[in-house]
Amino acid sequence: MTPAVQENNSEIARKAEEFLEYLQVERGSSPLTIRNYRHYLRRFNNWLESQNIRQTLKDINQDIVRGYRVYLANLGLGRRTQGYHLIALRSFLKWLRKEGKEVFGFEQIEVPKFESSKLFFLKGSDVEGLLNVPDIKKVQGKRDRAILEVFYATGLRVSELTSLNRDSLVQGRSQLLVPPVSGETSRIVFLSSRAFDWVDAYLKSRKDNAKALFISHKRDPSRLTPRSVQRMIKKYTKKIGLSSDVTPKTLRHSFATDLLIAGADIRSVQEMLGHKNISTTQIYTHVTNRQLRDVHSAFHGKGGK
């Protein structure tokens, strides 16, 4: 069961908990989405309590929402973050309406406009530089090289990568069966021959019987956490002078854009990334179309000159 939004027993807190359970069970939302919505709705509840406002559904009105928006702005939150809070509140009210509750109209909550995030990905030369940083004389270096290779070969989410077990390797270890850790169904992804070789080299260097595919080698063999992988990538990118903004998601973006620029169809990329909706995958076409347009401008029609 999803943890309660707040430790009080107000009507809003109880219904918010039910909403989070709905997102988890019915919508199949990712653990990250659940966590974020819990945080946003808890902040709304705490603000109501601090203002001595009764926490019942019928008490939510235009004045309350306006006051809450002023509160978020006064916290010094950016427009994007304020928007996320309001999107969560609007989604909560929309769900309540769907459940037959008479509540303030969610459509009256305006979300501040902000520019969409720029899609950050690495060029091939930067990826190769990153892949060659780990010290492969050590088992930990072999592990890190294998992780980086798997990221770039498959476009996995970091939560998916850290959930892999040894027996996730199938079809002669050339494929990975990815468990449904983000509300998706399990899916198969394909390893490049180089990624396969590094995973194989890493496993052969291990002396433990842990079932996890990637483990910590500092103490007892325990499964690596997403946070550990993020720190590892940050350490290596800093070593070779890449942007400190490089994350596991950057490698996922790099995988997708590399496929599309090379001519892969978007439906295939959607399936490989594990996206439910094609619209999520289409964010990459804005980048790849621009890349192809630059190539066209640089080379098309120049042969006869």
Protein backbone atom coordinates (compact mmCIF):
# COMPACT_ATOMS: atom_id res chain seq x y z
CA MET A 1 0.00 0.00 0.00
CA THR A 2 1.23 3.48 -0.85
CA PRO A 3 2.31 5.39 2.30
CA ALA A 4 -0.08 8.08 3.45
CA VAL A 5 0.44 11.57 2.13
CA GLN A 6 0.33 12.97 5.62
CA GLU A 7 0.11 11.50 9.11
CA ASN A 8 -3.15 13.30 9.93
CA ASN A 9 -6.55 11.80 9.16
CA SER A 10 -8.10 14.69 7.28
CA GLU A 11 -10.42 14.02 4.38
CA ILE A 12 -7.94 15.48 1.88
CA ALA A 13 -5.09 13.35 3.26
CA ARG A 14 -7.19 10.18 3.08
CA LYS A 15 -8.37 10.87 -0.46
CA ALA A 16 -4.84 11.82 -1.55
CA GLU A 17 -3.64 8.43 -0.33
CA GLU A 18 -6.36 6.75 -2.39
CA PHE A 19 -5.32 8.84 -5.39
CA LEU A 20 -1.71 7.70 -5.07
CA GLU A 21 -2.87 4.08 -4.88
CA TYR A 22 -4.93 4.68 -8.03
CA LEU A 23 -1.84 6.01 -9.82
CA GLN A 24 0.17 3.03 -8.70
CA VAL A 25 -2.33 0.24 -9.37
CA GLU A 26 -4.66 1.50 -12.10
CA ARG A 27 -2.39 3.84 -14.04
CA GLY A 28 0.85 1.92 -13.53
CA SER A 29 2.72 5.15 -12.76
CA SER A 30 6.43 4.87 -12.06
CA PRO A 31 7.79 4.90 -8.49
CA LEU A 32 9.35 8.30 -9.26
CA THR A 33 5.99 9.77 -10.28
CA ILE A 34 4.35 8.38 -7.12
CA ARG A 35 7.11 9.83 -4.98
CA ASN A 36 6.88 13.25 -6.59
CA TYR A 37 3.08 13.43 -6.37
CA ARG A 38 3.25 12.38 -2.73
CA HIS A 39 5.69 15.23 -2.05
CA TYR A 40 3.57 17.84 -3.89
CA LEU A 41 0.30 16.81 -2.21
CA ARG A 42 1.93 16.64 1.21
CA ARG A 43 3.15 20.22 0.73
CA PHE A 44 -0.39 21.31 -0.14
CA ASN A 45 -1.77 19.58 2.97
CA ASN A 46 0.89 21.06 5.21
CA TRP A 47 0.19 24.54 3.87
CA LEU A 48 -3.55 24.15 4.55
CA GLU A 49 -2.76 23.10 8.10
CA SER A 50 -0.38 26.04 8.61
CA GLN A 51 -3.16 28.41 7.51
CA ASN A 52 -5.70 26.80 9.86
CA ILE A 53 -7.84 25.85 6.87
CA ARG A 54 -10.19 22.91 7.34
CA GLN A 55 -8.89 20.02 5.29
CA THR A 56 -12.08 18.86 3.67
CA LEU A 57 -12.69 18.56 -0.05
CA LYS A 58 -15.38 21.23 -0.14
CA ASP A 59 -12.97 23.77 1.39
CA ILE A 60 -10.81 23.84 -1.74
CA ASN A 61 -11.84 26.91 -3.73
CA GLN A 62 -10.41 29.64 -5.96
CA ASP A 63 -9.14 31.71 -3.02
CA ILE A 64 -7.40 28.68 -1.51
CA VAL A 65 -5.69 27.84 -4.79
CA ARG A 66 -4.64 31.47 -5.30
CA GLY A 67 -3.18 31.60 -1.80
CA TYR A 68 -1.34 28.36 -2.38
CA ARG A 69 0.18 29.72 -5.59
CA VAL A 70 1.43 32.79 -3.74
CA TYR A 71 2.91 30.50 -1.10
CA LEU A 72 4.77 28.43 -3.72
CA ALA A 73 6.16 31.59 -5.32
CA ASN A 74 7.29 32.93 -1.95
CA LEU A 75 9.20 29.70 -1.33
CA GLY A 76 11.46 30.77 -4.16
CA LEU A 77 10.55 27.80 -6.34
CA GLY A 78 11.13 28.12 -10.08
CA ARG A 79 8.17 28.37 -12.44
CA ARG A 80 8.69 24.81 -13.57
CA THR A 81 8.63 23.44 -10.03
CA GLN A 82 5.58 25.54 -9.16
CA GLY A 83 3.95 24.08 -12.24
CA TYR A 84 4.64 20.52 -11.11
CA HIS A 85 2.92 21.23 -7.78
CA LEU A 86 -0.14 22.61 -9.55
CA ILE A 87 -0.26 19.76 -12.06
CA ALA A 88 -0.35 17.30 -9.14
CA LEU A 89 -3.16 19.23 -7.46
CA ARG A 90 -5.09 19.50 -10.71
CA SER A 91 -4.71 15.76 -11.38
CA PHE A 92 -5.90 15.02 -7.84
CA LEU A 93 -9.01 17.16 -8.29
CA LYS A 94 -9.69 15.65 -11.71
CA TRP A 95 -9.58 12.17 -10.18
CA LEU A 96 -11.93 13.26 -7.37
CA ARG A 97 -14.39 14.55 -9.97
CA LYS A 98 -14.15 11.22 -11.76
CA GLU A 99 -14.95 9.53 -8.44
CA GLY A 100 -18.15 11.56 -8.22
CA LYS A 101 -16.98 14.09 -5.63
CA GLU A 102 -18.15 17.70 -5.84
CA VAL A 103 -14.88 19.61 -5.79
CA PHE A 104 -13.35 22.77 -7.12
CA GLY A 105 -13.02 22.65 -10.91
CA PHE A 106 -9.58 21.34 -11.82
CA GLU A 107 -9.83 23.09 -15.20
CA GLN A 108 -9.71 26.45 -13.39
CA ILE A 109 -6.16 25.82 -12.18
CA GLU A 110 -3.77 27.45 -14.64
CA VAL A 111 -0.27 26.04 -14.77
CA PRO A 112 2.53 28.57 -15.37
CA LYS A 113 4.09 28.24 -18.80
CA PHE A 114 7.73 27.40 -19.09
CA GLU A 115 10.09 26.37 -21.83
CA SER A 116 10.46 22.64 -22.27
CA SER A 117 13.76 21.14 -21.21
CA LYS A 118 16.45 20.90 -23.82
CA LEU A 119 17.23 17.33 -24.74
CA PHE A 120 20.81 16.69 -23.66
CA PHE A 121 22.74 13.86 -25.29
CA LEU A 122 26.37 13.01 -25.97
CA LYS A 123 28.16 12.89 -29.29
CA GLY A 124 29.70 9.58 -30.26
CA SER A 125 33.22 10.77 -29.46
CA ASP A 126 32.15 11.84 -25.96
CA VAL A 127 30.49 8.48 -25.36
CA GLU A 128 33.66 6.67 -26.42
CA GLY A 129 35.70 8.88 -24.11
CA LEU A 130 33.39 8.09 -21.19
CA LEU A 131 33.45 4.34 -21.90
CA ASN A 132 37.23 4.28 -21.67
CA VAL A 133 37.58 5.99 -18.28
CA PRO A 134 37.05 3.05 -15.84
CA ASP A 135 40.16 1.21 -14.65
CA ILE A 136 39.44 -2.21 -16.14
CA LYS A 137 42.30 -3.85 -14.20
CA LYS A 138 39.96 -3.86 -11.20
CA VAL A 139 36.67 -5.73 -10.87
CA GLN A 140 34.92 -2.47 -10.03
CA GLY A 141 36.29 -0.92 -13.21
CA LYS A 142 35.08 -3.89 -15.25
CA ARG A 143 31.66 -3.46 -13.64
CA ASP A 144 31.53 0.25 -14.43
CA ARG A 145 32.60 -0.32 -18.03
CA ALA A 146 29.91 -2.99 -18.38
CA ILE A 147 27.28 -0.64 -16.92
CA LEU A 148 28.20 2.18 -19.31
CA GLU A 149 28.20 -0.20 -22.27
CA VAL A 150 24.77 -1.59 -21.32
CA PHE A 151 23.34 1.91 -20.92
CA TYR A 152 24.53 2.99 -24.35
CA ALA A 153 23.57 -0.29 -26.02
CA THR A 154 20.05 -0.51 -24.59
CA GLY A 155 18.84 2.91 -23.41
CA LEU A 156 17.68 1.40 -20.11
CA ARG A 157 16.38 3.54 -17.26
CA VAL A 158 18.72 3.51 -14.27
CA SER A 159 16.03 1.83 -12.14
CA GLU A 160 15.75 -0.89 -14.78
CA LEU A 161 19.50 -1.44 -14.95
CA THR A 162 19.89 -1.79 -11.18
CA SER A 163 16.98 -4.26 -11.04
CA LEU A 164 18.70 -6.69 -13.43
CA ASN A 165 19.80 -10.11 -12.20
CA ARG A 166 22.27 -12.58 -13.64
CA ASP A 167 19.37 -14.59 -14.99
CA SER A 168 18.07 -11.49 -16.81
CA LEU A 169 20.59 -12.46 -19.49
CA VAL A 170 18.83 -14.62 -22.06
CA GLN A 171 19.42 -16.03 -25.54
CA GLY A 172 23.04 -16.84 -24.93
CA ARG A 173 23.44 -13.59 -22.99
CA SER A 174 22.87 -11.49 -26.10
CA GLN A 175 19.58 -10.15 -24.72
CA LEU A 176 18.26 -8.83 -21.42
CA LEU A 177 14.82 -9.48 -19.99
CA VAL A 178 13.97 -6.20 -18.26
CA PRO A 179 11.56 -6.54 -15.31
CA PRO A 180 8.56 -4.18 -15.08
CA VAL A 181 9.99 -1.83 -12.43
CA SER A 182 8.27 1.34 -13.72
CA GLY A 183 4.71 0.15 -14.12
CA GLU A 184 5.46 -1.19 -17.60
CA THR A 185 5.37 -4.79 -18.78
CA SER A 186 8.63 -6.70 -18.98
CA ARG A 187 10.47 -6.35 -22.29
CA ILE A 188 13.49 -7.64 -24.14
CA VAL A 189 16.41 -5.38 -25.05
CA PHE A 190 19.40 -6.31 -27.16
CA LEU A 191 23.06 -6.09 -26.21
CA SER A 192 25.68 -5.03 -28.70
CA SER A 193 28.54 -7.51 -29.08
CA ARG A 194 30.79 -5.08 -27.20
CA ALA A 195 28.34 -4.69 -24.33
CA PHE A 196 27.95 -8.46 -24.18
CA ASP A 197 31.74 -8.91 -24.00
CA TRP A 198 32.10 -6.46 -21.11
CA VAL A 199 29.20 -7.93 -19.12
CA ASP A 200 30.73 -11.36 -19.64
CA ALA A 201 34.19 -10.17 -18.56
CA TYR A 202 32.73 -8.57 -15.45
CA LEU A 203 30.79 -11.67 -14.43
CA LYS A 204 33.83 -13.90 -14.94
CA SER A 205 35.84 -11.65 -12.60
CA ARG A 206 33.34 -12.01 -9.75
CA LYS A 207 33.78 -14.48 -6.90
CA ASP A 208 30.37 -14.06 -5.26
CA ASN A 209 27.02 -15.82 -5.64
CA ALA A 210 24.83 -12.69 -5.52
CA LYS A 211 21.94 -12.86 -7.98
CA ALA A 212 22.11 -9.15 -8.90
CA LEU A 213 23.83 -8.42 -12.20
CA PHE A 214 25.60 -5.32 -10.86
CA ILE A 215 26.74 -5.18 -7.24
CA SER A 216 28.79 -3.08 -4.85
CA HIS A 217 32.30 -4.40 -4.29
CA LYS A 218 33.15 -2.28 -1.27
CA ARG A 219 31.51 -4.42 1.43
CA ASP A 220 29.23 -7.42 1.17
CA PRO A 221 28.01 -8.01 -2.38
CA SER A 222 24.80 -5.94 -2.38
CA ARG A 223 22.79 -4.73 -5.36
CA LEU A 224 23.85 -1.34 -6.70
CA THR A 225 21.34 1.46 -6.15
CA PRO A 226 20.33 4.02 -8.79
CA ARG A 227 22.01 6.68 -6.68
CA SER A 228 25.31 4.76 -6.71
CA VAL A 229 25.19 4.53 -10.50
CA GLN A 230 24.47 8.25 -10.79
CA ARG A 231 27.47 9.07 -8.59
CA MET A 232 29.67 6.76 -10.65
CA ILE A 233 28.74 8.48 -13.91
CA LYS A 234 29.25 11.92 -12.37
CA LYS A 235 32.73 10.86 -11.21
CA TYR A 236 33.78 9.65 -14.66
CA THR A 237 32.35 12.61 -16.57
CA LYS A 238 34.22 14.96 -14.24
CA LYS A 239 37.47 13.06 -14.94
CA ILE A 240 37.30 13.72 -18.67
CA GLY A 241 35.86 17.21 -18.44
CA LEU A 242 32.33 16.50 -19.66
CA SER A 243 29.35 18.49 -18.39
CA SER A 244 28.39 17.78 -14.80
CA ASP A 245 24.82 17.41 -16.09
CA VAL A 246 25.58 13.98 -17.60
CA THR A 247 23.32 11.39 -15.95
CA PRO A 248 22.03 7.90 -16.77
CA LYS A 249 19.19 9.63 -18.59
CA THR A 250 21.75 11.40 -20.80
CA LEU A 251 22.97 8.00 -21.98
CA ARG A 252 19.36 6.97 -22.59
CA HIS A 253 18.87 10.10 -24.70
CA SER A 254 22.13 9.39 -26.52
CA PHE A 255 20.98 5.85 -27.35
CA ALA A 256 17.67 7.07 -28.78
CA THR A 257 19.06 9.96 -30.82
CA ASP A 258 21.84 7.78 -32.22
CA LEU A 259 19.27 5.24 -33.47
CA LEU A 260 17.01 7.87 -35.04
CA ILE A 261 19.85 9.76 -36.73
CA ALA A 262 21.03 6.43 -38.16
CA GLY A 263 17.59 5.90 -39.68
CA ALA A 264 15.71 3.72 -37.19
CA ASP A 265 11.92 4.11 -37.29
CA ILE A 266 10.32 5.76 -34.29
CA ARG A 267 8.02 2.84 -33.46
CA SER A 268 11.01 0.54 -33.03
CA VAL A 269 12.76 3.10 -30.83
CA GLN A 270 9.56 3.46 -28.78
CA GLU A 271 9.55 -0.28 -28.14
CA MET A 272 13.23 -0.40 -27.25
CA LEU A 273 12.85 2.48 -24.78
CA GLY A 274 9.75 0.95 -23.22
CA HIS A 275 7.58 4.02 -23.79
CA LYS A 276 3.84 3.49 -23.45
CA ASN A 277 2.99 6.37 -25.77
CA ILE A 278 4.58 7.33 -29.06
CA SER A 279 4.30 11.00 -28.05
CA THR A 280 6.99 10.42 -25.40
CA THR A 281 9.38 9.08 -28.03
CA GLN A 282 8.62 11.91 -30.44
CA ILE A 283 10.55 14.40 -28.29
CA TYR A 284 13.68 12.93 -29.89
CA THR A 285 12.54 13.69 -33.43
CA HIS A 286 12.90 17.44 -32.79
CA VAL A 287 16.60 16.88 -32.16
CA THR A 288 17.20 14.35 -34.91
CA ASN A 289 15.31 16.42 -37.48
CA ARG A 290 17.53 19.38 -36.66
CA GLN A 291 20.65 17.22 -36.90
CA LEU A 292 19.60 15.90 -40.30
CA ARG A 293 18.70 19.41 -41.48
CA ASP A 294 22.20 20.61 -40.55
CA VAL A 295 23.73 17.70 -42.48
CA HIS A 296 21.51 18.47 -45.48
CA SER A 297 22.51 22.14 -45.38
CA ALA A 298 26.20 21.30 -45.13
CA PHE A 299 26.42 18.69 -47.89
CA HIS A 300 23.40 18.69 -50.21
CA GLY A 301 24.05 20.13 -53.67
CA LYS A 302 27.75 20.75 -52.98
CA GLY A 303 28.99 17.99 -55.29
CA GLY A 304 28.60 20.07 -58.46
CA LYS A 305 30.41 23.12 -57.10
